[in-house]
Amino acid sequence: MKLLVERYISDGQPVGSKTLSTALDAPVSSATVRNTMKRLEDLGLLVSPHTSAGRVPTELGYRFYVDTMLQVEPLQSDIAQTLTQELVSAQGNRKQTLQKASALLSELTEMAGLVLLPKQGNQSLNRIEFMPLQAGQVLAILILNNQQVENRIISTDREYSQEELQTAANYLNQHFAGRDLQEMGQALQGAMARDQAAINHLMDLMVQIGGEVGAPTSEEEGELVLEGQSKLIGDRGIDNTQKLRQLFEAFSQKRDIAHLLDRCARERGVQIFIGRESGYEPFDDCTLITSPYQGEGSNLGVLGVIGPTRMSYERVIPVVDFTARLLSLANNEKDT
């Protein structure tokens, strides 16, 4: 099984029993190898993609290989030196260092590199004001707890007068000042149900405002940096055109990928998602390898690579792991 997976990763061609029997150290007949391959196929670890006698590993086969047979190689000294020079001694702010990390991951693994930047932290409302714009639009002016000012344009079902908007602002300032923005929408719906009789004519507007103002910004979700997507096209890339199209559409959206990586950021060490294990359909033909990076003793974000399931796991895993450790070191040095 190990030999078959590694041979397929190397050349991308279905592996036959004759090839394996020749490559094995001990003398084993093609018939014996063929029977063993049939049993592995019955277990769901191998599949025959065509009518040929060759087999390729399934998603389950890759998982079995990674969990029980994979021997991770030590990181090559020249790669370790390159990463150390580029990241630990990097000039500029933390965001620039993380962007460089994504580019380096892509360059060194020949896959798409990705880094989820740290969240800016939850923000609470200090005060809110509204200003009518053109018909069907209201400008919400938010003053946050850190004195940052945000402007958000809200589309409404009808036109509201300045007096109605002032009533809405007074209600929100009275009941939600000091509250977390992301909790605001849900809390507002409950409050509106209790106070419906008093302000029924503004209920729809208030619920809509609460939902839109409470929606997290990209900074609150964590920004996703992607580099090297084009490396997924080619001989060692993803050969399913439809899946490749879905993947690039997902790259353009980024939000769902950021949510997936956000879950990874709460884990420890290297995480490997093979095919459908990620629970994210555009990644069904891919492997995602991630590791969290730290700062001030806690996880700040996550980095990794995405590529075809037919990747050199023993070579890619140490690159991701070492890069995460270096970023943690660089972040701690910048914090001191």
C-alpha atoms as a PDB file:
ATOM      1  CA  MET A   1       0.000   0.000   0.000  1.00  0.00           C
ATOM      2  CA  LYS A   2       2.766   2.421   0.951  1.00  0.00           C
ATOM      3  CA  LEU A   3       4.701   1.712  -2.222  1.00  0.00           C
ATOM      4  CA  LEU A   4       1.607   2.118  -4.397  1.00  0.00           C
ATOM      5  CA  VAL A   5       0.637   5.475  -2.853  1.00  0.00           C
ATOM      6  CA  GLU A   6       4.151   6.873  -3.131  1.00  0.00           C
ATOM      7  CA  ARG A   7       4.546   5.636  -6.713  1.00  0.00           C
ATOM      8  CA  TYR A   8       1.230   7.251  -7.687  1.00  0.00           C
ATOM      9  CA  ILE A   9       2.157  10.517  -5.950  1.00  0.00           C
ATOM     10  CA  SER A  10       5.444  10.499  -7.848  1.00  0.00           C
ATOM     11  CA  ASP A  11       4.239   9.960 -11.422  1.00  0.00           C
ATOM     12  CA  GLY A  12       0.444  10.314 -11.335  1.00  0.00           C
ATOM     13  CA  GLN A  13      -0.223   7.090 -13.235  1.00  0.00           C
ATOM     14  CA  PRO A  14      -2.350   4.156 -12.000  1.00  0.00           C
ATOM     15  CA  VAL A  15      -0.063   1.523 -10.513  1.00  0.00           C
ATOM     16  CA  GLY A  16      -0.286  -2.095 -11.669  1.00  0.00           C
ATOM     17  CA  SER A  17       0.668  -5.329  -9.945  1.00  0.00           C
ATOM     18  CA  LYS A  18       3.634  -5.932 -12.248  1.00  0.00           C
ATOM     19  CA  THR A  19       5.117  -2.530 -11.397  1.00  0.00           C
ATOM     20  CA  LEU A  20       4.773  -3.218  -7.676  1.00  0.00           C
ATOM     21  CA  SER A  21       6.160  -6.752  -7.785  1.00  0.00           C
ATOM     22  CA  THR A  22       9.225  -5.485  -9.640  1.00  0.00           C
ATOM     23  CA  ALA A  23       9.768  -2.619  -7.198  1.00  0.00           C
ATOM     24  CA  LEU A  24       9.403  -4.682  -4.012  1.00  0.00           C
ATOM     25  CA  ASP A  25      12.610  -5.677  -2.224  1.00  0.00           C
ATOM     26  CA  ALA A  26      11.408  -9.237  -1.581  1.00  0.00           C
ATOM     27  CA  PRO A  27      10.483 -11.487  -4.519  1.00  0.00           C
ATOM     28  CA  VAL A  28       6.685 -11.493  -4.784  1.00  0.00           C
ATOM     29  CA  SER A  29       4.722 -12.688  -7.801  1.00  0.00           C
ATOM     30  CA  SER A  30       2.410 -10.388  -9.746  1.00  0.00           C
ATOM     31  CA  ALA A  31      -0.497 -12.697  -8.876  1.00  0.00           C
ATOM     32  CA  THR A  32       0.129 -12.300  -5.137  1.00  0.00           C
ATOM     33  CA  VAL A  33       0.357  -8.527  -5.475  1.00  0.00           C
ATOM     34  CA  ARG A  34      -2.778  -8.499  -7.621  1.00  0.00           C
ATOM     35  CA  ASN A  35      -4.737 -10.425  -4.960  1.00  0.00           C
ATOM     36  CA  THR A  36      -3.509  -8.052  -2.245  1.00  0.00           C
ATOM     37  CA  MET A  37      -4.543  -5.047  -4.324  1.00  0.00           C
ATOM     38  CA  LYS A  38      -7.989  -6.596  -4.778  1.00  0.00           C
ATOM     39  CA  ARG A  39      -8.392  -6.915  -1.004  1.00  0.00           C
ATOM     40  CA  LEU A  40      -7.314  -3.296  -0.535  1.00  0.00           C
ATOM     41  CA  GLU A  41      -9.839  -2.282  -3.171  1.00  0.00           C
ATOM     42  CA  ASP A  42     -12.574  -4.209  -1.337  1.00  0.00           C
ATOM     43  CA  LEU A  43     -11.653  -2.241   1.809  1.00  0.00           C
ATOM     44  CA  GLY A  44     -12.161   1.028  -0.071  1.00  0.00           C
ATOM     45  CA  LEU A  45      -8.489   2.005   0.010  1.00  0.00           C
ATOM     46  CA  LEU A  46      -7.849   1.661  -3.730  1.00  0.00           C
ATOM     47  CA  VAL A  47      -9.865   2.152  -6.880  1.00  0.00           C
ATOM     48  CA  SER A  48      -9.373   1.472 -10.572  1.00  0.00           C
ATOM     49  CA  PRO A  49     -10.024   4.735 -12.457  1.00  0.00           C
ATOM     50  CA  HIS A  50     -10.199   3.060 -15.870  1.00  0.00           C
ATOM     51  CA  THR A  51     -10.482  -0.412 -17.330  1.00  0.00           C
ATOM     52  CA  SER A  52      -6.722  -0.826 -16.926  1.00  0.00           C
ATOM     53  CA  ALA A  53      -5.339  -3.052 -14.199  1.00  0.00           C
ATOM     54  CA  GLY A  54      -3.740  -0.099 -12.428  1.00  0.00           C
ATOM     55  CA  ARG A  55      -5.021   1.225  -9.093  1.00  0.00           C
ATOM     56  CA  VAL A  56      -4.923   4.618  -7.393  1.00  0.00           C
ATOM     57  CA  PRO A  57      -5.520   5.489  -3.730  1.00  0.00           C
ATOM     58  CA  THR A  58      -8.951   6.683  -2.660  1.00  0.00           C
ATOM     59  CA  GLU A  59      -9.578   9.458  -0.148  1.00  0.00           C
ATOM     60  CA  LEU A  60      -9.721   6.755   2.536  1.00  0.00           C
ATOM     61  CA  GLY A  61      -6.526   5.260   1.147  1.00  0.00           C
ATOM     62  CA  TYR A  62      -4.674   8.549   1.496  1.00  0.00           C
ATOM     63  CA  ARG A  63      -5.948   8.901   5.058  1.00  0.00           C
ATOM     64  CA  PHE A  64      -4.768   5.372   5.918  1.00  0.00           C
ATOM     65  CA  TYR A  65      -1.377   6.142   4.384  1.00  0.00           C
ATOM     66  CA  VAL A  66      -0.966   9.447   6.247  1.00  0.00           C
ATOM     67  CA  ASP A  67      -2.051   8.023   9.605  1.00  0.00           C
ATOM     68  CA  THR A  68      -0.151   4.725   9.568  1.00  0.00           C
ATOM     69  CA  MET A  69       2.625   4.713   6.962  1.00  0.00           C
ATOM     70  CA  LEU A  70       3.835   8.240   6.362  1.00  0.00           C
ATOM     71  CA  GLN A  71       7.419   8.991   7.333  1.00  0.00           C
ATOM     72  CA  VAL A  72       7.822  12.758   7.464  1.00  0.00           C
ATOM     73  CA  GLU A  73      11.206  13.913   6.245  1.00  0.00           C
ATOM     74  CA  PRO A  74      13.267  16.435   8.240  1.00  0.00           C
ATOM     75  CA  LEU A  75      13.062  19.877   6.698  1.00  0.00           C
ATOM     76  CA  GLN A  76      15.912  20.478   4.281  1.00  0.00           C
ATOM     77  CA  SER A  77      18.488  22.846   5.746  1.00  0.00           C
ATOM     78  CA  ASP A  78      18.408  25.242   2.782  1.00  0.00           C
ATOM     79  CA  ILE A  79      14.614  25.589   3.050  1.00  0.00           C
ATOM     80  CA  ALA A  80      14.848  26.169   6.800  1.00  0.00           C
ATOM     81  CA  GLN A  81      17.500  28.823   6.224  1.00  0.00           C
ATOM     82  CA  THR A  82      15.411  30.584   3.575  1.00  0.00           C
ATOM     83  CA  LEU A  83      12.337  30.682   5.799  1.00  0.00           C
ATOM     84  CA  THR A  84      14.333  31.906   8.794  1.00  0.00           C
ATOM     85  CA  GLN A  85      15.983  34.714   6.857  1.00  0.00           C
ATOM     86  CA  GLU A  86      12.737  35.836   5.242  1.00  0.00           C
ATOM     87  CA  LEU A  87      10.432  35.687   8.273  1.00  0.00           C
ATOM     88  CA  VAL A  88      12.334  36.109  11.535  1.00  0.00           C
ATOM     89  CA  SER A  89      14.429  39.029  10.288  1.00  0.00           C
ATOM     90  CA  ALA A  90      11.637  40.517   8.153  1.00  0.00           C
ATOM     91  CA  GLN A  91      11.179  44.257   8.301  1.00  0.00           C
ATOM     92  CA  GLY A  92       7.737  45.857   8.351  1.00  0.00           C
ATOM     93  CA  ASN A  93       4.569  45.180  10.280  1.00  0.00           C
ATOM     94  CA  ARG A  94       2.971  41.866  11.218  1.00  0.00           C
ATOM     95  CA  LYS A  95       0.597  41.895   8.235  1.00  0.00           C
ATOM     96  CA  GLN A  96       3.468  42.252   5.762  1.00  0.00           C
ATOM     97  CA  THR A  97       5.296  39.359   7.422  1.00  0.00           C
ATOM     98  CA  LEU A  98       2.213  37.148   7.154  1.00  0.00           C
ATOM     99  CA  GLN A  99       1.726  38.050   3.502  1.00  0.00           C
ATOM    100  CA  LYS A 100       5.325  37.062   2.840  1.00  0.00           C
ATOM    101  CA  ALA A 101       4.718  33.772   4.659  1.00  0.00           C
ATOM    102  CA  SER A 102       1.844  32.929   2.310  1.00  0.00           C
ATOM    103  CA  ALA A 103       4.022  33.611  -0.739  1.00  0.00           C
ATOM    104  CA  LEU A 104       6.878  31.518   0.672  1.00  0.00           C
ATOM    105  CA  LEU A 105       4.582  28.583   1.428  1.00  0.00           C
ATOM    106  CA  SER A 106       3.384  28.623  -2.165  1.00  0.00           C
ATOM    107  CA  GLU A 107       6.877  28.933  -3.592  1.00  0.00           C
ATOM    108  CA  LEU A 108       8.411  26.160  -1.470  1.00  0.00           C
ATOM    109  CA  THR A 109       5.580  23.625  -1.786  1.00  0.00           C
ATOM    110  CA  GLU A 110       4.424  24.511  -5.323  1.00  0.00           C
ATOM    111  CA  MET A 111       0.866  24.703  -4.004  1.00  0.00           C
ATOM    112  CA  ALA A 112      -1.433  27.542  -3.028  1.00  0.00           C
ATOM    113  CA  GLY A 113      -0.255  29.178   0.198  1.00  0.00           C
ATOM    114  CA  LEU A 114      -2.749  30.706   2.599  1.00  0.00           C
ATOM    115  CA  VAL A 115      -2.573  32.645   5.841  1.00  0.00           C
ATOM    116  CA  LEU A 116      -5.468  33.799   8.001  1.00  0.00           C
ATOM    117  CA  LEU A 117      -4.507  37.104   9.582  1.00  0.00           C
ATOM    118  CA  PRO A 118      -5.358  37.726  13.241  1.00  0.00           C
ATOM    119  CA  LYS A 119      -8.778  39.015  14.172  1.00  0.00           C
ATOM    120  CA  GLN A 120      -8.916  42.563  15.438  1.00  0.00           C
ATOM    121  CA  GLY A 121     -11.053  41.494  18.375  1.00  0.00           C
ATOM    122  CA  ASN A 122     -14.702  42.001  19.131  1.00  0.00           C
ATOM    123  CA  GLN A 123     -15.906  45.576  19.099  1.00  0.00           C
ATOM    124  CA  SER A 124     -18.680  47.096  21.141  1.00  0.00           C
ATOM    125  CA  LEU A 125     -20.989  49.979  20.361  1.00  0.00           C
ATOM    126  CA  ASN A 126     -20.378  53.342  21.982  1.00  0.00           C
ATOM    127  CA  ARG A 127     -22.958  55.326  20.046  1.00  0.00           C
ATOM    128  CA  ILE A 128     -24.861  55.134  16.765  1.00  0.00           C
ATOM    129  CA  GLU A 129     -26.434  57.816  14.585  1.00  0.00           C
ATOM    130  CA  PHE A 130     -28.450  57.594  11.365  1.00  0.00           C
ATOM    131  CA  MET A 131     -28.672  59.868   8.354  1.00  0.00           C
ATOM    132  CA  PRO A 132     -31.175  59.454   5.497  1.00  0.00           C
ATOM    133  CA  LEU A 133     -29.616  59.184   2.059  1.00  0.00           C
ATOM    134  CA  GLN A 134     -31.515  58.595  -1.164  1.00  0.00           C
ATOM    135  CA  ALA A 135     -34.779  56.657  -1.126  1.00  0.00           C
ATOM    136  CA  GLY A 136     -34.281  53.198   0.362  1.00  0.00           C
ATOM    137  CA  GLN A 137     -30.890  53.919   1.915  1.00  0.00           C
ATOM    138  CA  VAL A 138     -29.775  54.987   5.388  1.00  0.00           C
ATOM    139  CA  LEU A 139     -26.248  55.832   6.531  1.00  0.00           C
ATOM    140  CA  ALA A 140     -25.369  54.294   9.912  1.00  0.00           C
ATOM    141  CA  ILE A 141     -22.524  56.067  11.736  1.00  0.00           C
ATOM    142  CA  LEU A 142     -21.041  53.821  14.433  1.00  0.00           C
ATOM    143  CA  ILE A 143     -18.721  55.101  17.138  1.00  0.00           C
ATOM    144  CA  LEU A 144     -17.050  52.040  18.658  1.00  0.00           C
ATOM    145  CA  ASN A 145     -15.462  51.406  22.021  1.00  0.00           C
ATOM    146  CA  ASN A 146     -11.977  52.136  20.679  1.00  0.00           C
ATOM    147  CA  GLN A 147     -13.238  55.475  19.297  1.00  0.00           C
ATOM    148  CA  GLN A 148     -13.007  54.115  15.762  1.00  0.00           C
ATOM    149  CA  VAL A 149     -15.759  55.445  13.493  1.00  0.00           C
ATOM    150  CA  GLU A 150     -17.396  53.174  10.911  1.00  0.00           C
ATOM    151  CA  ASN A 151     -19.915  54.153   8.247  1.00  0.00           C
ATOM    152  CA  ARG A 152     -22.278  51.531   6.845  1.00  0.00           C
ATOM    153  CA  ILE A 153     -24.944  52.053   4.197  1.00  0.00           C
ATOM    154  CA  ILE A 154     -28.138  50.106   4.945  1.00  0.00           C
ATOM    155  CA  SER A 155     -30.771  49.381   2.299  1.00  0.00           C
ATOM    156  CA  THR A 156     -34.335  49.737   3.640  1.00  0.00           C
ATOM    157  CA  ASP A 157     -37.746  48.694   2.366  1.00  0.00           C
ATOM    158  CA  ARG A 158     -39.128  52.222   2.534  1.00  0.00           C
ATOM    159  CA  GLU A 159     -38.032  55.790   3.156  1.00  0.00           C
ATOM    160  CA  TYR A 160     -37.685  56.908   6.791  1.00  0.00           C
ATOM    161  CA  SER A 161     -37.840  60.444   8.097  1.00  0.00           C
ATOM    162  CA  GLN A 162     -35.073  61.997  10.188  1.00  0.00           C
ATOM    163  CA  GLU A 163     -37.400  61.893  13.200  1.00  0.00           C
ATOM    164  CA  GLU A 164     -37.967  58.140  12.797  1.00  0.00           C
ATOM    165  CA  LEU A 165     -34.254  57.524  12.422  1.00  0.00           C
ATOM    166  CA  GLN A 166     -33.549  59.573  15.543  1.00  0.00           C
ATOM    167  CA  THR A 167     -36.068  57.465  17.476  1.00  0.00           C
ATOM    168  CA  ALA A 168     -34.303  54.319  16.278  1.00  0.00           C
ATOM    169  CA  ALA A 169     -30.887  55.716  17.237  1.00  0.00           C
ATOM    170  CA  ASN A 170     -32.130  56.713  20.701  1.00  0.00           C
ATOM    171  CA  TYR A 171     -33.496  53.207  21.278  1.00  0.00           C
ATOM    172  CA  LEU A 172     -30.271  51.516  20.192  1.00  0.00           C
ATOM    173  CA  ASN A 173     -28.076  53.858  22.226  1.00  0.00           C
ATOM    174  CA  GLN A 174     -30.218  53.326  25.318  1.00  0.00           C
ATOM    175  CA  HIS A 175     -30.392  49.536  25.110  1.00  0.00           C
ATOM    176  CA  PHE A 176     -27.194  48.472  23.323  1.00  0.00           C
ATOM    177  CA  ALA A 177     -24.416  50.932  24.193  1.00  0.00           C
ATOM    178  CA  GLY A 178     -21.483  48.871  25.434  1.00  0.00           C
ATOM    179  CA  ARG A 179     -22.774  45.666  23.836  1.00  0.00           C
ATOM    180  CA  ASP A 180     -20.765  43.532  21.409  1.00  0.00           C
ATOM    181  CA  LEU A 181     -21.717  44.324  17.809  1.00  0.00           C
ATOM    182  CA  GLN A 182     -21.905  40.666  16.809  1.00  0.00           C
ATOM    183  CA  GLU A 183     -24.414  39.960  19.596  1.00  0.00           C
ATOM    184  CA  MET A 184     -26.536  42.942  18.672  1.00  0.00           C
ATOM    185  CA  GLY A 185     -28.745  41.434  15.962  1.00  0.00           C
ATOM    186  CA  GLN A 186     -29.967  38.496  18.039  1.00  0.00           C
ATOM    187  CA  ALA A 187     -30.398  40.564  21.189  1.00  0.00           C
ATOM    188  CA  LEU A 188     -32.301  43.220  19.273  1.00  0.00           C
ATOM    189  CA  GLN A 189     -34.849  40.741  17.956  1.00  0.00           C
ATOM    190  CA  GLY A 190     -35.637  39.608  21.493  1.00  0.00           C
ATOM    191  CA  ALA A 191     -35.885  43.167  22.759  1.00  0.00           C
ATOM    192  CA  MET A 192     -38.143  44.181  19.894  1.00  0.00           C
ATOM    193  CA  ALA A 193     -40.521  41.314  20.641  1.00  0.00           C
ATOM    194  CA  ARG A 194     -40.887  42.588  24.209  1.00  0.00           C
ATOM    195  CA  ASP A 195     -41.296  46.240  23.238  1.00  0.00           C
ATOM    196  CA  GLN A 196     -43.330  45.696  20.091  1.00  0.00           C
ATOM    197  CA  ALA A 197     -46.326  47.718  21.249  1.00  0.00           C
ATOM    198  CA  ALA A 198     -44.216  50.769  22.008  1.00  0.00           C
ATOM    199  CA  ILE A 199     -42.317  51.028  18.731  1.00  0.00           C
ATOM    200  CA  ASN A 200     -44.144  48.744  16.325  1.00  0.00           C
ATOM    201  CA  HIS A 201     -43.796  51.149  13.397  1.00  0.00           C
ATOM    202  CA  LEU A 202     -39.994  50.929  13.570  1.00  0.00           C
ATOM    203  CA  MET A 203     -39.681  47.228  14.302  1.00  0.00           C
ATOM    204  CA  ASP A 204     -38.722  46.108  10.783  1.00  0.00           C
ATOM    205  CA  LEU A 205     -36.136  48.844  10.473  1.00  0.00           C
ATOM    206  CA  MET A 206     -34.627  48.047  13.873  1.00  0.00           C
ATOM    207  CA  VAL A 207     -34.273  44.336  13.189  1.00  0.00           C
ATOM    208  CA  GLN A 208     -32.691  45.074   9.810  1.00  0.00           C
ATOM    209  CA  ILE A 209     -30.305  47.599  11.333  1.00  0.00           C
ATOM    210  CA  GLY A 210     -29.347  45.190  14.085  1.00  0.00           C
ATOM    211  CA  GLY A 211     -28.542  42.464  11.582  1.00  0.00           C
ATOM    212  CA  GLU A 212     -26.455  44.631   9.267  1.00  0.00           C
ATOM    213  CA  VAL A 213     -24.619  46.573  11.960  1.00  0.00           C
ATOM    214  CA  GLY A 214     -23.974  43.354  13.873  1.00  0.00           C
ATOM    215  CA  ALA A 215     -22.467  41.606  10.847  1.00  0.00           C
ATOM    216  CA  PRO A 216     -18.714  41.165  11.335  1.00  0.00           C
ATOM    217  CA  THR A 217     -16.337  43.161   9.194  1.00  0.00           C
ATOM    218  CA  SER A 218     -13.456  41.497   7.391  1.00  0.00           C
ATOM    219  CA  GLU A 219     -11.107  42.640  10.159  1.00  0.00           C
ATOM    220  CA  GLU A 220     -13.281  41.004  12.803  1.00  0.00           C
ATOM    221  CA  GLU A 221     -13.438  37.729  10.857  1.00  0.00           C
ATOM    222  CA  GLY A 222      -9.754  37.675  10.053  1.00  0.00           C
ATOM    223  CA  GLU A 223      -8.401  38.505   6.596  1.00  0.00           C
ATOM    224  CA  LEU A 224      -7.354  35.667   4.302  1.00  0.00           C
ATOM    225  CA  VAL A 225      -4.176  36.022   2.236  1.00  0.00           C
ATOM    226  CA  LEU A 226      -3.897  33.635  -0.739  1.00  0.00           C
ATOM    227  CA  GLU A 227      -0.841  33.200  -2.953  1.00  0.00           C
ATOM    228  CA  GLY A 228       0.005  30.859  -5.823  1.00  0.00           C
ATOM    229  CA  GLN A 229      -3.462  29.687  -6.878  1.00  0.00           C
ATOM    230  CA  SER A 230      -2.169  29.208 -10.424  1.00  0.00           C
ATOM    231  CA  LYS A 231       0.087  26.391  -9.174  1.00  0.00           C
ATOM    232  CA  LEU A 232      -3.028  24.214  -8.872  1.00  0.00           C
ATOM    233  CA  ILE A 233      -3.245  24.166 -12.676  1.00  0.00           C
ATOM    234  CA  GLY A 234      -0.924  21.854 -14.569  1.00  0.00           C
ATOM    235  CA  ASP A 235       0.505  18.351 -14.566  1.00  0.00           C
ATOM    236  CA  ARG A 236       0.670  18.093 -10.773  1.00  0.00           C
ATOM    237  CA  GLY A 237      -2.448  20.142 -10.181  1.00  0.00           C
ATOM    238  CA  ILE A 238      -6.138  19.280 -10.038  1.00  0.00           C
ATOM    239  CA  ASP A 239      -7.237  17.563 -13.245  1.00  0.00           C
ATOM    240  CA  ASN A 240     -11.016  17.838 -12.699  1.00  0.00           C
ATOM    241  CA  THR A 241     -11.969  20.995 -14.599  1.00  0.00           C
ATOM    242  CA  GLN A 242     -15.324  21.423 -12.850  1.00  0.00           C
ATOM    243  CA  LYS A 243     -13.765  21.040  -9.406  1.00  0.00           C
ATOM    244  CA  LEU A 244     -10.997  23.446 -10.359  1.00  0.00           C
ATOM    245  CA  ARG A 245     -13.580  26.029 -11.410  1.00  0.00           C
ATOM    246  CA  GLN A 246     -15.435  25.633  -8.088  1.00  0.00           C
ATOM    247  CA  LEU A 247     -12.167  25.990  -6.203  1.00  0.00           C
ATOM    248  CA  PHE A 248     -11.226  29.232  -7.941  1.00  0.00           C
ATOM    249  CA  GLU A 249     -14.711  30.606  -7.310  1.00  0.00           C
ATOM    250  CA  ALA A 250     -14.196  29.781  -3.624  1.00  0.00           C
ATOM    251  CA  PHE A 251     -10.838  31.564  -3.710  1.00  0.00           C
ATOM    252  CA  SER A 252     -12.527  34.687  -5.064  1.00  0.00           C
ATOM    253  CA  GLN A 253     -15.102  34.663  -2.248  1.00  0.00           C
ATOM    254  CA  LYS A 254     -12.645  33.779   0.556  1.00  0.00           C
ATOM    255  CA  ARG A 255     -15.225  34.060   3.340  1.00  0.00           C
ATOM    256  CA  ASP A 256     -16.090  30.348   3.593  1.00  0.00           C
ATOM    257  CA  ILE A 257     -12.417  29.418   3.462  1.00  0.00           C
ATOM    258  CA  ALA A 258     -11.729  31.920   6.246  1.00  0.00           C
ATOM    259  CA  HIS A 259     -14.439  30.280   8.370  1.00  0.00           C
ATOM    260  CA  LEU A 260     -12.842  26.864   7.832  1.00  0.00           C
ATOM    261  CA  LEU A 261      -9.393  28.168   8.734  1.00  0.00           C
ATOM    262  CA  ASP A 262     -10.813  29.929  11.775  1.00  0.00           C
ATOM    263  CA  ARG A 263     -11.825  26.511  13.110  1.00  0.00           C
ATOM    264  CA  CYS A 264      -8.312  25.217  12.430  1.00  0.00           C
ATOM    265  CA  ALA A 265      -6.834  28.141  14.371  1.00  0.00           C
ATOM    266  CA  ARG A 266      -8.397  26.791  17.561  1.00  0.00           C
ATOM    267  CA  GLU A 267      -6.550  23.465  17.249  1.00  0.00           C
ATOM    268  CA  ARG A 268      -2.987  22.508  18.106  1.00  0.00           C
ATOM    269  CA  GLY A 269      -0.307  21.439  15.680  1.00  0.00           C
ATOM    270  CA  VAL A 270      -0.591  20.378  12.065  1.00  0.00           C
ATOM    271  CA  GLN A 271      -4.074  19.527  10.765  1.00  0.00           C
ATOM    272  CA  ILE A 272      -4.575  17.528   7.548  1.00  0.00           C
ATOM    273  CA  PHE A 273      -7.919  17.517   5.709  1.00  0.00           C
ATOM    274  CA  ILE A 274      -8.047  15.074   2.805  1.00  0.00           C
ATOM    275  CA  GLY A 275     -10.844  15.486   0.255  1.00  0.00           C
ATOM    276  CA  ARG A 276     -14.291  15.707   1.815  1.00  0.00           C
ATOM    277  CA  GLU A 277     -12.917  15.734   5.367  1.00  0.00           C
ATOM    278  CA  SER A 278     -12.942  19.539   5.294  1.00  0.00           C
ATOM    279  CA  GLY A 279     -16.733  19.571   4.914  1.00  0.00           C
ATOM    280  CA  TYR A 280     -16.324  22.225   2.212  1.00  0.00           C
ATOM    281  CA  GLU A 281     -17.392  21.013  -1.247  1.00  0.00           C
ATOM    282  CA  PRO A 282     -14.887  23.003  -3.367  1.00  0.00           C
ATOM    283  CA  PHE A 283     -12.106  21.180  -1.471  1.00  0.00           C
ATOM    284  CA  ASP A 284     -13.411  17.679  -2.324  1.00  0.00           C
ATOM    285  CA  ASP A 285     -10.472  16.941  -4.653  1.00  0.00           C
ATOM    286  CA  CYS A 286      -7.915  18.734  -2.480  1.00  0.00           C
ATOM    287  CA  THR A 287      -5.822  18.277   0.615  1.00  0.00           C
ATOM    288  CA  LEU A 288      -5.588  21.165   3.073  1.00  0.00           C
ATOM    289  CA  ILE A 289      -2.656  21.180   5.509  1.00  0.00           C
ATOM    290  CA  THR A 290      -2.719  23.834   8.234  1.00  0.00           C
ATOM    291  CA  SER A 291      -1.026  24.809  11.469  1.00  0.00           C
ATOM    292  CA  PRO A 292      -1.836  27.646  13.894  1.00  0.00           C
ATOM    293  CA  TYR A 293       0.714  30.358  14.659  1.00  0.00           C
ATOM    294  CA  GLN A 294       0.986  32.132  17.983  1.00  0.00           C
ATOM    295  CA  GLY A 295       1.717  35.467  19.584  1.00  0.00           C
ATOM    296  CA  GLU A 296       1.752  36.438  23.253  1.00  0.00           C
ATOM    297  CA  GLY A 297       1.144  32.811  24.236  1.00  0.00           C
ATOM    298  CA  SER A 298      -2.089  32.187  22.323  1.00  0.00           C
ATOM    299  CA  ASN A 299      -3.129  31.257  18.784  1.00  0.00           C
ATOM    300  CA  LEU A 300      -3.410  34.322  16.553  1.00  0.00           C
ATOM    301  CA  GLY A 301      -4.307  32.727  13.249  1.00  0.00           C
ATOM    302  CA  VAL A 302      -3.536  29.829  10.965  1.00  0.00           C
ATOM    303  CA  LEU A 303      -1.449  29.186   7.866  1.00  0.00           C
ATOM    304  CA  GLY A 304      -1.167  26.339   5.413  1.00  0.00           C
ATOM    305  CA  VAL A 305      -1.292  25.106   1.863  1.00  0.00           C
ATOM    306  CA  ILE A 306      -3.945  23.639  -0.378  1.00  0.00           C
ATOM    307  CA  GLY A 307      -3.207  21.314  -3.245  1.00  0.00           C
ATOM    308  CA  PRO A 308      -4.311  18.093  -4.916  1.00  0.00           C
ATOM    309  CA  THR A 309      -4.696  14.977  -2.785  1.00  0.00           C
ATOM    310  CA  ARG A 310      -1.788  13.596  -4.812  1.00  0.00           C
ATOM    311  CA  MET A 311       0.782  15.692  -2.985  1.00  0.00           C
ATOM    312  CA  SER A 312       4.130  14.886  -1.415  1.00  0.00           C
ATOM    313  CA  TYR A 313       2.895  14.790   2.179  1.00  0.00           C
ATOM    314  CA  GLU A 314       6.287  13.952   3.701  1.00  0.00           C
ATOM    315  CA  ARG A 315       7.783  17.076   2.103  1.00  0.00           C
ATOM    316  CA  VAL A 316       4.906  19.550   2.559  1.00  0.00           C
ATOM    317  CA  ILE A 317       4.019  18.862   6.202  1.00  0.00           C
ATOM    318  CA  PRO A 318       7.394  19.946   7.670  1.00  0.00           C
ATOM    319  CA  VAL A 319       7.341  23.160   5.602  1.00  0.00           C
ATOM    320  CA  VAL A 320       3.947  24.122   7.054  1.00  0.00           C
ATOM    321  CA  ASP A 321       4.970  23.145  10.591  1.00  0.00           C
ATOM    322  CA  PHE A 322       8.307  24.985  10.483  1.00  0.00           C
ATOM    323  CA  THR A 323       6.738  28.122   8.987  1.00  0.00           C
ATOM    324  CA  ALA A 324       4.126  28.243  11.762  1.00  0.00           C
ATOM    325  CA  ARG A 325       6.830  27.912  14.412  1.00  0.00           C
ATOM    326  CA  LEU A 326       8.896  30.671  12.809  1.00  0.00           C
ATOM    327  CA  LEU A 327       5.907  33.005  12.591  1.00  0.00           C
ATOM    328  CA  SER A 328       5.180  32.401  16.256  1.00  0.00           C
ATOM    329  CA  LEU A 329       8.784  33.283  17.064  1.00  0.00           C
ATOM    330  CA  ALA A 330       8.681  36.396  14.881  1.00  0.00           C
ATOM    331  CA  ASN A 331       5.388  37.545  16.428  1.00  0.00           C
ATOM    332  CA  ASN A 332       6.703  37.105  19.959  1.00  0.00           C
ATOM    333  CA  GLU A 333       9.822  39.111  19.113  1.00  0.00           C
ATOM    334  CA  LYS A 334       7.734  41.929  17.634  1.00  0.00           C
ATOM    335  CA  ASP A 335       5.558  41.955  20.773  1.00  0.00           C
ATOM    336  CA  THR A 336       8.542  42.403  23.120  1.00  0.00           C
END
